[in-house]
Amino acid sequence: MSTDWCKMTDEQQKLLINFETRVRQLMLLCESLRNDKAELKKALEAKDNDLKIAKADIRDLTISYDNLKLAKMVSYGEKDVKSARQRLSKLVREIDKCIALVNE
């Protein structure tokens, strides 16, 4: 039996080496992309956390603003007493709802 069919020509060996080199390059690129993905995931988590904090700040500022508006309404005098009472009643109802939710 002849073993000539198993021997690679110089051209075939060059092609094989070139193929192996490209596979290694692809593997390195894949690893680099994995690292980039991990970094981007960390950055996204940090931004999500920042967004949650910003939303909480907005909520707190909105509440403070509403309280300031209410204080200003109360300070106007007799003509705005009815409006202030309605606003206070609304706030009391909202507080009662919150208390009810907490007690559940």
N, C-alpha and C. Protein backbone atom coordinates (compact mmCIF):
# COMPACT_ATOMS: atom_id res chain seq x y z
N MET A 1 0.83 -1.17 0.00
CA MET A 1 0.00 0.00 0.00
C MET A 1 0.87 1.24 0.00
N SER A 2 0.52 2.19 -0.77
CA SER A 2 1.31 3.40 -0.91
C SER A 2 0.82 4.46 0.08
N THR A 3 1.77 5.23 0.67
CA THR A 3 1.44 6.29 1.62
C THR A 3 1.56 7.66 0.98
N ASP A 4 1.66 7.71 -0.31
CA ASP A 4 1.78 8.98 -1.01
C ASP A 4 0.54 9.86 -0.84
N TRP A 5 -0.59 9.27 -0.69
CA TRP A 5 -1.81 10.06 -0.57
C TRP A 5 -1.88 10.81 0.77
N CYS A 6 -1.07 10.38 1.77
CA CYS A 6 -1.08 11.02 3.08
C CYS A 6 -0.14 12.23 3.14
N LYS A 7 0.80 12.30 2.28
CA LYS A 7 1.77 13.38 2.32
C LYS A 7 1.16 14.66 1.76
N MET A 8 1.43 15.77 2.48
CA MET A 8 0.94 17.06 2.01
C MET A 8 2.01 17.72 1.16
N THR A 9 1.50 18.41 0.18
CA THR A 9 2.41 19.19 -0.64
C THR A 9 2.76 20.46 0.12
N ASP A 10 3.79 21.16 -0.35
CA ASP A 10 4.17 22.43 0.27
C ASP A 10 3.01 23.42 0.24
N GLU A 11 2.30 23.44 -0.83
CA GLU A 11 1.15 24.35 -0.96
C GLU A 11 0.08 24.03 0.07
N GLN A 12 -0.19 22.74 0.26
CA GLN A 12 -1.18 22.33 1.25
C GLN A 12 -0.74 22.68 2.67
N GLN A 13 0.54 22.52 2.96
CA GLN A 13 1.06 22.87 4.28
C GLN A 13 0.93 24.37 4.53
N LYS A 14 1.23 25.17 3.52
CA LYS A 14 1.08 26.62 3.65
C LYS A 14 -0.37 27.00 3.91
N LEU A 15 -1.28 26.35 3.17
CA LEU A 15 -2.70 26.62 3.37
C LEU A 15 -3.14 26.23 4.79
N LEU A 16 -2.65 25.11 5.28
CA LEU A 16 -2.99 24.66 6.62
C LEU A 16 -2.47 25.62 7.68
N ILE A 17 -1.23 26.07 7.53
CA ILE A 17 -0.65 27.04 8.47
C ILE A 17 -1.43 28.35 8.43
N ASN A 18 -1.78 28.80 7.24
CA ASN A 18 -2.58 30.02 7.09
C ASN A 18 -3.94 29.87 7.77
N PHE A 19 -4.55 28.70 7.59
CA PHE A 19 -5.85 28.42 8.21
C PHE A 19 -5.72 28.44 9.74
N GLU A 20 -4.70 27.78 10.27
CA GLU A 20 -4.49 27.74 11.72
C GLU A 20 -4.27 29.15 12.27
N THR A 21 -3.52 29.95 11.55
CA THR A 21 -3.26 31.33 11.98
C THR A 21 -4.56 32.12 12.04
N ARG A 22 -5.38 31.97 11.04
CA ARG A 22 -6.67 32.71 11.02
C ARG A 22 -7.62 32.23 12.12
N VAL A 23 -7.60 30.94 12.41
CA VAL A 23 -8.43 30.42 13.50
C VAL A 23 -7.96 31.02 14.82
N ARG A 24 -6.66 31.08 15.04
CA ARG A 24 -6.12 31.69 16.27
C ARG A 24 -6.52 33.17 16.35
N GLN A 25 -6.43 33.87 15.23
CA GLN A 25 -6.83 35.28 15.22
C GLN A 25 -8.31 35.43 15.59
N LEU A 26 -9.14 34.56 15.03
CA LEU A 26 -10.57 34.60 15.36
C LEU A 26 -10.81 34.31 16.84
N MET A 27 -10.06 33.38 17.39
CA MET A 27 -10.20 33.06 18.82
C MET A 27 -9.80 34.26 19.68
N LEU A 28 -8.73 34.95 19.30
CA LEU A 28 -8.31 36.15 20.04
C LEU A 28 -9.36 37.25 19.92
N LEU A 29 -9.90 37.43 18.73
CA LEU A 29 -10.94 38.43 18.52
C LEU A 29 -12.18 38.09 19.35
N CYS A 30 -12.54 36.83 19.39
CA CYS A 30 -13.69 36.39 20.18
C CYS A 30 -13.47 36.71 21.66
N GLU A 31 -12.29 36.43 22.17
CA GLU A 31 -11.98 36.73 23.57
C GLU A 31 -12.03 38.23 23.84
N SER A 32 -11.52 39.00 22.90
CA SER A 32 -11.55 40.46 23.04
C SER A 32 -12.99 40.96 23.08
N LEU A 33 -13.83 40.41 22.23
CA LEU A 33 -15.24 40.80 22.21
C LEU A 33 -15.96 40.39 23.49
N ARG A 34 -15.59 39.25 24.06
CA ARG A 34 -16.17 38.84 25.35
C ARG A 34 -15.81 39.85 26.44
N ASN A 35 -14.54 40.27 26.45
CA ASN A 35 -14.10 41.25 27.44
C ASN A 35 -14.84 42.58 27.27
N ASP A 36 -14.99 43.00 26.01
CA ASP A 36 -15.72 44.24 25.74
C ASP A 36 -17.16 44.13 26.22
N LYS A 37 -17.77 42.99 25.98
CA LYS A 37 -19.15 42.77 26.39
C LYS A 37 -19.27 42.86 27.92
N ALA A 38 -18.32 42.27 28.63
CA ALA A 38 -18.36 42.31 30.09
C ALA A 38 -18.22 43.75 30.60
N GLU A 39 -17.33 44.52 29.98
CA GLU A 39 -17.16 45.92 30.38
C GLU A 39 -18.42 46.73 30.09
N LEU A 40 -19.03 46.50 28.94
CA LEU A 40 -20.26 47.21 28.60
C LEU A 40 -21.40 46.84 29.55
N LYS A 41 -21.44 45.58 29.95
CA LYS A 41 -22.47 45.14 30.89
C LYS A 41 -22.30 45.85 32.23
N LYS A 42 -21.06 45.97 32.70
CA LYS A 42 -20.80 46.68 33.95
C LYS A 42 -21.20 48.15 33.82
N ALA A 43 -20.85 48.77 32.70
CA ALA A 43 -21.20 50.17 32.49
C ALA A 43 -22.72 50.35 32.46
N LEU A 44 -23.42 49.43 31.82
CA LEU A 44 -24.88 49.50 31.75
C LEU A 44 -25.50 49.37 33.14
N GLU A 45 -24.97 48.47 33.96
CA GLU A 45 -25.48 48.32 35.33
C GLU A 45 -25.25 49.60 36.12
N ALA A 46 -24.09 50.23 35.94
CA ALA A 46 -23.81 51.48 36.64
C ALA A 46 -24.78 52.57 36.20
N LYS A 47 -25.05 52.65 34.90
CA LYS A 47 -25.99 53.65 34.39
C LYS A 47 -27.40 53.38 34.88
N ASP A 48 -27.79 52.10 34.96
CA ASP A 48 -29.11 51.76 35.50
C ASP A 48 -29.23 52.22 36.94
N ASN A 49 -28.16 52.01 37.71
CA ASN A 49 -28.17 52.45 39.10
C ASN A 49 -28.28 53.97 39.19
N ASP A 50 -27.52 54.67 38.34
CA ASP A 50 -27.59 56.13 38.30
C ASP A 50 -29.01 56.61 37.96
N LEU A 51 -29.63 55.91 37.02
CA LEU A 51 -31.00 56.26 36.61
C LEU A 51 -31.98 56.08 37.77
N LYS A 52 -31.84 54.98 38.51
CA LYS A 52 -32.72 54.76 39.66
C LYS A 52 -32.55 55.88 40.68
N ILE A 53 -31.31 56.27 40.93
CA ILE A 53 -31.05 57.36 41.88
C ILE A 53 -31.66 58.66 41.38
N ALA A 54 -31.49 58.94 40.10
CA ALA A 54 -32.04 60.17 39.52
C ALA A 54 -33.57 60.17 39.62
N LYS A 55 -34.20 59.04 39.36
CA LYS A 55 -35.66 58.96 39.46
C LYS A 55 -36.12 59.20 40.90
N ALA A 56 -35.38 58.65 41.84
CA ALA A 56 -35.73 58.87 43.25
C ALA A 56 -35.59 60.35 43.61
N ASP A 57 -34.52 60.98 43.10
CA ASP A 57 -34.31 62.41 43.34
C ASP A 57 -35.45 63.23 42.74
N ILE A 58 -35.85 62.88 41.55
CA ILE A 58 -36.96 63.60 40.89
C ILE A 58 -38.24 63.45 41.71
N ARG A 59 -38.49 62.25 42.17
CA ARG A 59 -39.69 62.01 42.98
C ARG A 59 -39.65 62.86 44.26
N ASP A 60 -38.48 62.87 44.93
CA ASP A 60 -38.34 63.67 46.16
C ASP A 60 -38.49 65.16 45.88
N LEU A 61 -37.90 65.61 44.78
CA LEU A 61 -38.01 67.03 44.44
C LEU A 61 -39.44 67.41 44.07
N THR A 62 -40.13 66.51 43.40
CA THR A 62 -41.53 66.78 43.06
C THR A 62 -42.38 66.91 44.32
N ILE A 63 -42.13 66.03 45.26
CA ILE A 63 -42.87 66.11 46.53
C ILE A 63 -42.56 67.43 47.24
N SER A 64 -41.29 67.79 47.27
CA SER A 64 -40.91 69.06 47.91
C SER A 64 -41.56 70.25 47.21
N TYR A 65 -41.57 70.21 45.89
CA TYR A 65 -42.19 71.28 45.12
C TYR A 65 -43.68 71.38 45.42
N ASP A 66 -44.34 70.23 45.46
CA ASP A 66 -45.77 70.23 45.77
C ASP A 66 -46.02 70.79 47.18
N ASN A 67 -45.15 70.43 48.12
CA ASN A 67 -45.29 70.96 49.47
C ASN A 67 -45.09 72.47 49.51
N LEU A 68 -44.13 72.97 48.73
CA LEU A 68 -43.91 74.41 48.67
C LEU A 68 -45.11 75.12 48.05
N LYS A 69 -45.68 74.53 47.01
CA LYS A 69 -46.88 75.13 46.41
C LYS A 69 -48.00 75.17 47.43
N LEU A 70 -48.14 74.10 48.18
CA LEU A 70 -49.18 74.05 49.20
C LEU A 70 -48.95 75.12 50.27
N ALA A 71 -47.71 75.26 50.70
CA ALA A 71 -47.39 76.28 51.70
C ALA A 71 -47.69 77.68 51.17
N LYS A 72 -47.40 77.91 49.92
CA LYS A 72 -47.67 79.21 49.32
C LYS A 72 -49.17 79.45 49.23
N MET A 73 -49.91 78.41 48.87
CA MET A 73 -51.37 78.54 48.78
C MET A 73 -51.96 78.89 50.15
N VAL A 74 -51.45 78.27 51.19
CA VAL A 74 -51.97 78.51 52.53
C VAL A 74 -51.67 79.94 52.97
N SER A 75 -50.56 80.48 52.51
CA SER A 75 -50.16 81.82 52.94
C SER A 75 -50.89 82.93 52.20
N TYR A 76 -51.69 82.66 51.21
CA TYR A 76 -52.37 83.71 50.45
C TYR A 76 -53.46 84.42 51.25
N GLY A 77 -54.18 83.71 52.06
CA GLY A 77 -55.21 84.37 52.85
C GLY A 77 -56.57 83.77 52.64
N GLU A 78 -57.60 84.54 53.02
CA GLU A 78 -58.97 84.08 53.06
C GLU A 78 -59.52 83.62 51.72
N LYS A 79 -59.18 84.32 50.65
CA LYS A 79 -59.80 83.97 49.37
C LYS A 79 -59.34 82.61 48.84
N ASP A 80 -58.17 82.17 49.25
CA ASP A 80 -57.67 80.88 48.77
C ASP A 80 -57.81 79.77 49.80
N VAL A 81 -58.52 80.02 50.88
CA VAL A 81 -58.68 79.02 51.93
C VAL A 81 -59.38 77.78 51.41
N LYS A 82 -60.40 77.97 50.59
CA LYS A 82 -61.14 76.82 50.07
C LYS A 82 -60.22 75.92 49.23
N SER A 83 -59.44 76.53 48.37
CA SER A 83 -58.50 75.78 47.54
C SER A 83 -57.47 75.05 48.40
N ALA A 84 -56.97 75.72 49.41
CA ALA A 84 -55.99 75.12 50.30
C ALA A 84 -56.59 73.94 51.05
N ARG A 85 -57.84 74.09 51.50
CA ARG A 85 -58.51 73.00 52.20
C ARG A 85 -58.69 71.79 51.29
N GLN A 86 -59.05 72.04 50.06
CA GLN A 86 -59.21 70.94 49.11
C GLN A 86 -57.87 70.21 48.91
N ARG A 87 -56.82 71.00 48.77
CA ARG A 87 -55.48 70.42 48.58
C ARG A 87 -55.08 69.62 49.82
N LEU A 88 -55.31 70.17 50.99
CA LEU A 88 -55.00 69.45 52.22
C LEU A 88 -55.82 68.17 52.34
N SER A 89 -57.09 68.25 51.98
CA SER A 89 -57.94 67.06 52.03
C SER A 89 -57.40 65.98 51.09
N LYS A 90 -56.96 66.41 49.92
CA LYS A 90 -56.40 65.47 48.96
C LYS A 90 -55.14 64.81 49.53
N LEU A 91 -54.28 65.62 50.13
CA LEU A 91 -53.06 65.07 50.72
C LEU A 91 -53.38 64.10 51.85
N VAL A 92 -54.35 64.43 52.68
CA VAL A 92 -54.74 63.54 53.78
C VAL A 92 -55.26 62.22 53.23
N ARG A 93 -56.06 62.28 52.16
CA ARG A 93 -56.56 61.05 51.54
C ARG A 93 -55.39 60.22 51.00
N GLU A 94 -54.42 60.86 50.38
CA GLU A 94 -53.27 60.13 49.85
C GLU A 94 -52.47 59.49 50.98
N ILE A 95 -52.31 60.22 52.08
CA ILE A 95 -51.59 59.66 53.23
C ILE A 95 -52.37 58.48 53.80
N ASP A 96 -53.68 58.59 53.89
CA ASP A 96 -54.51 57.49 54.39
C ASP A 96 -54.37 56.26 53.51
N LYS A 97 -54.33 56.46 52.21
CA LYS A 97 -54.15 55.34 51.28
C LYS A 97 -52.80 54.68 51.52
N CYS A 98 -51.76 55.50 51.69
CA CYS A 98 -50.42 54.95 51.93
C CYS A 98 -50.38 54.15 53.22
N ILE A 99 -51.00 54.67 54.26
CA ILE A 99 -51.04 53.98 55.54
C ILE A 99 -51.79 52.66 55.39
N ALA A 100 -52.87 52.67 54.65
CA ALA A 100 -53.63 51.45 54.43
C ALA A 100 -52.79 50.41 53.69
N LEU A 101 -52.02 50.86 52.72
CA LEU A 101 -51.15 49.93 51.98
C LEU A 101 -50.07 49.35 52.87
N VAL A 102 -49.52 50.16 53.75
CA VAL A 102 -48.48 49.70 54.65
C VAL A 102 -49.04 48.69 55.64
N ASN A 103 -50.27 48.89 56.08
CA ASN A 103 -50.88 48.00 57.06
C ASN A 103 -51.31 46.66 56.46
N GLU A 104 -51.38 46.55 55.15
CA GLU A 104 -51.81 45.30 54.52
C GLU A 104 -50.79 44.21 54.68
